[in-house]
PDB file of all heavy atoms in Angstrom:
ATOM      1  N   GLU A   1       0.848  -1.191   0.000  1.00  0.00           N
ATOM      2  CA  GLU A   1       0.000   0.000   0.000  1.00  0.00           C
ATOM      3  C   GLU A   1       0.887   1.245   0.000  1.00  0.00           C
ATOM      4  O   GLU A   1       2.001   1.234   0.522  1.00  0.00           O
ATOM      5  CB  GLU A   1      -0.902   0.005   1.244  1.00  0.00           C
ATOM      6  CG  GLU A   1      -1.833  -1.206   1.349  1.00  0.00           C
ATOM      7  CD  GLU A   1      -2.857  -1.263   0.236  1.00  0.00           C
ATOM      8  OE1 GLU A   1      -3.164  -0.187  -0.339  1.00  0.00           O
ATOM      9  OE2 GLU A   1      -3.356  -2.361  -0.060  1.00  0.00           O
ATOM     10  N   ASN A   2       0.383   2.322  -0.583  1.00  0.00           N
ATOM     11  CA  ASN A   2       1.133   3.574  -0.593  1.00  0.00           C
ATOM     12  C   ASN A   2       0.179   4.751  -0.499  1.00  0.00           C
ATOM     13  O   ASN A   2      -1.041   4.591  -0.570  1.00  0.00           O
ATOM     14  CB  ASN A   2       2.018   3.676  -1.841  1.00  0.00           C
ATOM     15  CG  ASN A   2       1.215   3.510  -3.127  1.00  0.00           C
ATOM     16  OD1 ASN A   2       0.221   4.205  -3.347  1.00  0.00           O
ATOM     17  ND2 ASN A   2       1.635   2.585  -3.980  1.00  0.00           N
ATOM     18  N   ARG A   3       0.751   5.923  -0.339  1.00  0.00           N
ATOM     19  CA  ARG A   3      -0.061   7.132  -0.143  1.00  0.00           C
ATOM     20  C   ARG A   3      -0.944   7.431  -1.343  1.00  0.00           C
ATOM     21  O   ARG A   3      -2.107   7.822  -1.185  1.00  0.00           O
ATOM     22  CB  ARG A   3       0.876   8.313   0.136  1.00  0.00           C
ATOM     23  CG  ARG A   3       0.160   9.607   0.513  1.00  0.00           C
ATOM     24  CD  ARG A   3      -0.643   9.484   1.798  1.00  0.00           C
ATOM     25  NE  ARG A   3       0.188   9.179   2.926  1.00  0.00           N
ATOM     26  CZ  ARG A   3       0.815  10.082   3.672  1.00  0.00           C
ATOM     27  NH1 ARG A   3       0.717  11.367   3.370  1.00  0.00           N
ATOM     28  NH2 ARG A   3       1.523   9.715   4.710  1.00  0.00           N
ATOM     29  N   GLU A   4      -0.428   7.222  -2.554  1.00  0.00           N
ATOM     30  CA  GLU A   4      -1.223   7.497  -3.746  1.00  0.00           C
ATOM     31  C   GLU A   4      -2.436   6.577  -3.820  1.00  0.00           C
ATOM     32  O   GLU A   4      -3.513   6.987  -4.261  1.00  0.00           O
ATOM     33  CB  GLU A   4      -0.365   7.360  -5.006  1.00  0.00           C
ATOM     34  CG  GLU A   4       0.563   8.532  -5.254  1.00  0.00           C
ATOM     35  CD  GLU A   4      -0.178   9.864  -5.352  1.00  0.00           C
ATOM     36  OE1 GLU A   4      -1.214   9.931  -6.051  1.00  0.00           O
ATOM     37  OE2 GLU A   4       0.270  10.843  -4.726  1.00  0.00           O
ATOM     38  N   ASN A   5      -2.270   5.340  -3.394  1.00  0.00           N
ATOM     39  CA  ASN A   5      -3.405   4.418  -3.359  1.00  0.00           C
ATOM     40  C   ASN A   5      -4.457   4.896  -2.358  1.00  0.00           C
ATOM     41  O   ASN A   5      -5.657   4.784  -2.601  1.00  0.00           O
ATOM     42  CB  ASN A   5      -2.937   3.016  -3.002  1.00  0.00           C
ATOM     43  CG  ASN A   5      -4.074   1.998  -3.029  1.00  0.00           C
ATOM     44  OD1 ASN A   5      -4.599   1.667  -4.078  1.00  0.00           O
ATOM     45  ND2 ASN A   5      -4.458   1.517  -1.859  1.00  0.00           N
ATOM     46  N   ASP A   6      -3.991   5.430  -1.232  1.00  0.00           N
ATOM     47  CA  ASP A   6      -4.924   5.982  -0.239  1.00  0.00           C
ATOM     48  C   ASP A   6      -5.728   7.134  -0.830  1.00  0.00           C
ATOM     49  O   ASP A   6      -6.940   7.250  -0.594  1.00  0.00           O
ATOM     50  CB  ASP A   6      -4.162   6.475   0.991  1.00  0.00           C
ATOM     51  CG  ASP A   6      -3.545   5.345   1.798  1.00  0.00           C
ATOM     52  OD1 ASP A   6      -3.995   4.194   1.635  1.00  0.00           O
ATOM     53  OD2 ASP A   6      -2.609   5.620   2.569  1.00  0.00           O
ATOM     54  N   TYR A   7      -5.065   7.988  -1.611  1.00  0.00           N
ATOM     55  CA  TYR A   7      -5.757   9.108  -2.228  1.00  0.00           C
ATOM     56  C   TYR A   7      -6.789   8.612  -3.254  1.00  0.00           C
ATOM     57  O   TYR A   7      -7.898   9.145  -3.344  1.00  0.00           O
ATOM     58  CB  TYR A   7      -4.764  10.041  -2.921  1.00  0.00           C
ATOM     59  CG  TYR A   7      -3.797  10.716  -1.974  1.00  0.00           C
ATOM     60  CD1 TYR A   7      -2.548  11.139  -2.415  1.00  0.00           C
ATOM     61  CD2 TYR A   7      -4.139  10.940  -0.645  1.00  0.00           C
ATOM     62  CE1 TYR A   7      -1.660  11.764  -1.547  1.00  0.00           C
ATOM     63  CE2 TYR A   7      -3.255  11.562   0.221  1.00  0.00           C
ATOM     64  CZ  TYR A   7      -2.016  11.971  -0.234  1.00  0.00           C
ATOM     65  OH  TYR A   7      -1.142  12.575   0.625  1.00  0.00           O
ATOM     66  N   TYR A   8      -6.394   7.595  -4.008  1.00  0.00           N
ATOM     67  CA  TYR A   8      -7.327   7.023  -4.987  1.00  0.00           C
ATOM     68  C   TYR A   8      -8.569   6.467  -4.292  1.00  0.00           C
ATOM     69  O   TYR A   8      -9.694   6.664  -4.763  1.00  0.00           O
ATOM     70  CB  TYR A   8      -6.627   5.919  -5.781  1.00  0.00           C
ATOM     71  CG  TYR A   8      -7.530   5.200  -6.764  1.00  0.00           C
ATOM     72  CD1 TYR A   8      -7.881   5.792  -7.976  1.00  0.00           C
ATOM     73  CD2 TYR A   8      -8.052   3.939  -6.466  1.00  0.00           C
ATOM     74  CE1 TYR A   8      -8.721   5.145  -8.872  1.00  0.00           C
ATOM     75  CE2 TYR A   8      -8.891   3.290  -7.362  1.00  0.00           C
ATOM     76  CZ  TYR A   8      -9.216   3.888  -8.561  1.00  0.00           C
ATOM     77  OH  TYR A   8     -10.053   3.250  -9.438  1.00  0.00           O
ATOM     78  N   MET A   9      -8.366   5.811  -3.153  1.00  0.00           N
ATOM     79  CA  MET A   9      -9.507   5.241  -2.432  1.00  0.00           C
ATOM     80  C   MET A   9     -10.407   6.335  -1.842  1.00  0.00           C
ATOM     81  O   MET A   9     -11.615   6.126  -1.693  1.00  0.00           O
ATOM     82  CB  MET A   9      -9.018   4.301  -1.331  1.00  0.00           C
ATOM     83  CG  MET A   9      -8.332   3.036  -1.856  1.00  0.00           C
ATOM     84  SD  MET A   9      -9.293   2.147  -3.123  1.00  0.00           S
ATOM     85  CE  MET A   9     -10.738   1.660  -2.179  1.00  0.00           C
ATOM     86  N   MET A  10      -9.843   7.496  -1.539  1.00  0.00           N
ATOM     87  CA  MET A  10     -10.679   8.631  -1.120  1.00  0.00           C
ATOM     88  C   MET A  10     -11.588   9.066  -2.265  1.00  0.00           C
ATOM     89  O   MET A  10     -12.764   9.390  -2.052  1.00  0.00           O
ATOM     90  CB  MET A  10      -9.792   9.797  -0.676  1.00  0.00           C
ATOM     91  CG  MET A  10      -9.034   9.560   0.603  1.00  0.00           C
ATOM     92  SD  MET A  10      -8.003  11.008   1.034  1.00  0.00           S
ATOM     93  CE  MET A  10      -6.948  10.306   2.307  1.00  0.00           C
ATOM     94  N   TYR A  11     -11.036   9.071  -3.452  1.00  0.00           N
ATOM     95  CA  TYR A  11     -11.817   9.397  -4.655  1.00  0.00           C
ATOM     96  C   TYR A  11     -12.923   8.359  -4.869  1.00  0.00           C
ATOM     97  O   TYR A  11     -14.083   8.723  -5.119  1.00  0.00           O
ATOM     98  CB  TYR A  11     -10.866   9.453  -5.842  1.00  0.00           C
ATOM     99  CG  TYR A  11     -11.482   9.264  -7.215  1.00  0.00           C
ATOM    100  CD1 TYR A  11     -12.317  10.226  -7.777  1.00  0.00           C
ATOM    101  CD2 TYR A  11     -11.200   8.115  -7.955  1.00  0.00           C
ATOM    102  CE1 TYR A  11     -12.855  10.048  -9.047  1.00  0.00           C
ATOM    103  CE2 TYR A  11     -11.733   7.927  -9.217  1.00  0.00           C
ATOM    104  CZ  TYR A  11     -12.564   8.891  -9.762  1.00  0.00           C
ATOM    105  OH  TYR A  11     -13.101   8.714 -11.013  1.00  0.00           O
ATOM    106  N   ILE A  12     -12.583   7.080  -4.725  1.00  0.00           N
ATOM    107  CA  ILE A  12     -13.566   6.009  -4.893  1.00  0.00           C
ATOM    108  C   ILE A  12     -14.685   6.141  -3.867  1.00  0.00           C
ATOM    109  O   ILE A  12     -15.867   5.914  -4.172  1.00  0.00           O
ATOM    110  CB  ILE A  12     -12.885   4.633  -4.787  1.00  0.00           C
ATOM    111  CG1 ILE A  12     -11.975   4.382  -5.999  1.00  0.00           C
ATOM    112  CG2 ILE A  12     -13.919   3.519  -4.661  1.00  0.00           C
ATOM    113  CD1 ILE A  12     -12.703   4.309  -7.322  1.00  0.00           C
ATOM    114  N   MET A  13     -14.327   6.515  -2.637  1.00  0.00           N
ATOM    115  CA  MET A  13     -15.345   6.686  -1.596  1.00  0.00           C
ATOM    116  C   MET A  13     -16.371   7.742  -2.011  1.00  0.00           C
ATOM    117  O   MET A  13     -17.585   7.566  -1.806  1.00  0.00           O
ATOM    118  CB  MET A  13     -14.683   7.083  -0.284  1.00  0.00           C
ATOM    119  CG  MET A  13     -15.679   7.380   0.842  1.00  0.00           C
ATOM    120  SD  MET A  13     -16.787   5.981   1.212  1.00  0.00           S
ATOM    121  CE  MET A  13     -15.608   4.876   1.989  1.00  0.00           C
ATOM    122  N   GLN A  14     -15.934   8.818  -2.632  1.00  0.00           N
ATOM    123  CA  GLN A  14     -16.874   9.847  -3.069  1.00  0.00           C
ATOM    124  C   GLN A  14     -17.731   9.351  -4.231  1.00  0.00           C
ATOM    125  O   GLN A  14     -18.921   9.663  -4.313  1.00  0.00           O
ATOM    126  CB  GLN A  14     -16.115  11.123  -3.459  1.00  0.00           C
ATOM    127  CG  GLN A  14     -15.273  11.708  -2.336  1.00  0.00           C
ATOM    128  CD  GLN A  14     -16.006  11.814  -1.012  1.00  0.00           C
ATOM    129  OE1 GLN A  14     -17.143  12.302  -0.934  1.00  0.00           O
ATOM    130  NE2 GLN A  14     -15.378  11.334   0.054  1.00  0.00           N
ATOM    131  N   LEU A  15     -17.146   8.542  -5.122  1.00  0.00           N
ATOM    132  CA  LEU A  15     -17.953   7.930  -6.186  1.00  0.00           C
ATOM    133  C   LEU A  15     -19.035   7.033  -5.598  1.00  0.00           C
ATOM    134  O   LEU A  15     -20.167   6.997  -6.092  1.00  0.00           O
ATOM    135  CB  LEU A  15     -17.063   7.115  -7.125  1.00  0.00           C
ATOM    136  CG  LEU A  15     -16.116   7.848  -8.063  1.00  0.00           C
ATOM    137  CD1 LEU A  15     -15.437   6.847  -9.006  1.00  0.00           C
ATOM    138  CD2 LEU A  15     -16.846   8.909  -8.875  1.00  0.00           C
ATOM    139  N   ARG A  16     -18.669   6.308  -4.553  1.00  0.00           N
ATOM    140  CA  ARG A  16     -19.653   5.417  -3.899  1.00  0.00           C
ATOM    141  C   ARG A  16     -20.818   6.223  -3.334  1.00  0.00           C
ATOM    142  O   ARG A  16     -21.982   5.831  -3.466  1.00  0.00           O
ATOM    143  CB  ARG A  16     -18.967   4.618  -2.798  1.00  0.00           C
ATOM    144  CG  ARG A  16     -18.050   3.514  -3.292  1.00  0.00           C
ATOM    145  CD  ARG A  16     -17.232   2.924  -2.163  1.00  0.00           C
ATOM    146  NE  ARG A  16     -18.075   2.416  -1.076  1.00  0.00           N
ATOM    147  CZ  ARG A  16     -17.588   1.920   0.051  1.00  0.00           C
ATOM    148  NH1 ARG A  16     -16.277   1.875   0.252  1.00  0.00           N
ATOM    149  NH2 ARG A  16     -18.406   1.481   0.992  1.00  0.00           N
ATOM    150  N   ILE A  17     -20.501   7.341  -2.698  1.00  0.00           N
ATOM    151  CA  ILE A  17     -21.543   8.183  -2.107  1.00  0.00           C
ATOM    152  C   ILE A  17     -22.461   8.741  -3.192  1.00  0.00           C
ATOM    153  O   ILE A  17     -23.690   8.704  -3.075  1.00  0.00           O
ATOM    154  CB  ILE A  17     -20.900   9.329  -1.294  1.00  0.00           C
ATOM    155  CG1 ILE A  17     -20.182   8.769  -0.066  1.00  0.00           C
ATOM    156  CG2 ILE A  17     -21.959  10.361  -0.883  1.00  0.00           C
ATOM    157  CD1 ILE A  17     -19.322   9.784   0.657  1.00  0.00           C
ATOM    158  N   LEU A  18     -21.860   9.256  -4.260  1.00  0.00           N
ATOM    159  CA  LEU A  18     -22.640   9.864  -5.338  1.00  0.00           C
ATOM    160  C   LEU A  18     -23.482   8.849  -6.097  1.00  0.00           C
ATOM    161  O   LEU A  18     -24.519   9.195  -6.666  1.00  0.00           O
ATOM    162  CB  LEU A  18     -21.704  10.579  -6.316  1.00  0.00           C
ATOM    163  CG  LEU A  18     -20.999  11.829  -5.782  1.00  0.00           C
ATOM    164  CD1 LEU A  18     -19.933  12.281  -6.766  1.00  0.00           C
ATOM    165  CD2 LEU A  18     -21.999  12.946  -5.533  1.00  0.00           C
ATOM    166  N   SER A  19     -23.053   7.586  -6.109  1.00  0.00           N
ATOM    167  CA  SER A  19     -23.723   6.557  -6.905  1.00  0.00           C
ATOM    168  C   SER A  19     -24.701   5.714  -6.100  1.00  0.00           C
ATOM    169  O   SER A  19     -25.379   4.857  -6.668  1.00  0.00           O
ATOM    170  CB  SER A  19     -22.666   5.630  -7.535  1.00  0.00           C
ATOM    171  OG  SER A  19     -21.783   6.348  -8.358  1.00  0.00           O
ATOM    172  N   ASP A  20     -24.789   5.935  -4.807  1.00  0.00           N
ATOM    173  CA  ASP A  20     -25.632   5.105  -3.934  1.00  0.00           C
ATOM    174  C   ASP A  20     -27.105   5.449  -4.144  1.00  0.00           C
ATOM    175  O   ASP A  20     -27.546   6.551  -3.817  1.00  0.00           O
ATOM    176  CB  ASP A  20     -25.233   5.334  -2.483  1.00  0.00           C
ATOM    177  CG  ASP A  20     -25.947   4.395  -1.520  1.00  0.00           C
ATOM    178  OD1 ASP A  20     -26.845   3.639  -1.960  1.00  0.00           O
ATOM    179  OD2 ASP A  20     -25.611   4.419  -0.326  1.00  0.00           O
ATOM    180  N   ILE A  21     -27.886   4.499  -4.666  1.00  0.00           N
ATOM    181  CA  ILE A  21     -29.301   4.774  -4.923  1.00  0.00           C
ATOM    182  C   ILE A  21     -30.120   4.803  -3.638  1.00  0.00           C
ATOM    183  O   ILE A  21     -31.306   5.152  -3.663  1.00  0.00           O
ATOM    184  CB  ILE A  21     -29.923   3.789  -5.934  1.00  0.00           C
ATOM    185  CG1 ILE A  21     -29.855   2.352  -5.425  1.00  0.00           C
ATOM    186  CG2 ILE A  21     -29.243   3.921  -7.277  1.00  0.00           C
ATOM    187  CD1 ILE A  21     -30.569   1.362  -6.336  1.00  0.00           C
ATOM    188  N   ASN A  22     -29.512   4.449  -2.507  1.00  0.00           N
ATOM    189  CA  ASN A  22     -30.180   4.603  -1.217  1.00  0.00           C
ATOM    190  C   ASN A  22     -29.934   5.992  -0.629  1.00  0.00           C
ATOM    191  O   ASN A  22     -30.429   6.312   0.445  1.00  0.00           O
ATOM    192  CB  ASN A  22     -29.659   3.536  -0.238  1.00  0.00           C
ATOM    193  CG  ASN A  22     -29.904   2.130  -0.741  1.00  0.00           C
ATOM    194  OD1 ASN A  22     -31.035   1.696  -0.881  1.00  0.00           O
ATOM    195  ND2 ASN A  22     -28.829   1.413  -1.034  1.00  0.00           N
ATOM    196  N   ASN A  23     -29.174   6.809  -1.348  1.00  0.00           N
ATOM    197  CA  ASN A  23     -28.796   8.145  -0.891  1.00  0.00           C
ATOM    198  C   ASN A  23     -29.346   9.170  -1.874  1.00  0.00           C
ATOM    199  O   ASN A  23     -28.933   9.223  -3.028  1.00  0.00           O
ATOM    200  CB  ASN A  23     -27.262   8.225  -0.811  1.00  0.00           C
ATOM    201  CG  ASN A  23     -26.762   9.624  -0.468  1.00  0.00           C
ATOM    202  OD1 ASN A  23     -27.545  10.508  -0.150  1.00  0.00           O
ATOM    203  ND2 ASN A  23     -25.458   9.810  -0.558  1.00  0.00           N
ATOM    204  N   SER A  24     -30.254  10.014  -1.436  1.00  0.00           N
ATOM    205  CA  SER A  24     -30.896  10.976  -2.331  1.00  0.00           C
ATOM    206  C   SER A  24     -30.513  12.425  -2.010  1.00  0.00           C
ATOM    207  O   SER A  24     -31.190  13.352  -2.416  1.00  0.00           O
ATOM    208  CB  SER A  24     -32.426  10.823  -2.253  1.00  0.00           C
ATOM    209  OG  SER A  24     -32.882  11.073  -0.937  1.00  0.00           O
TER     210      SER A  24
END
């Protein structure tokens, strides 16, 4: 694991939030 991977996963977390159909 490295810092850049951590940053990428922060980006993925925001995609998850924006794409969650249980979240309006």
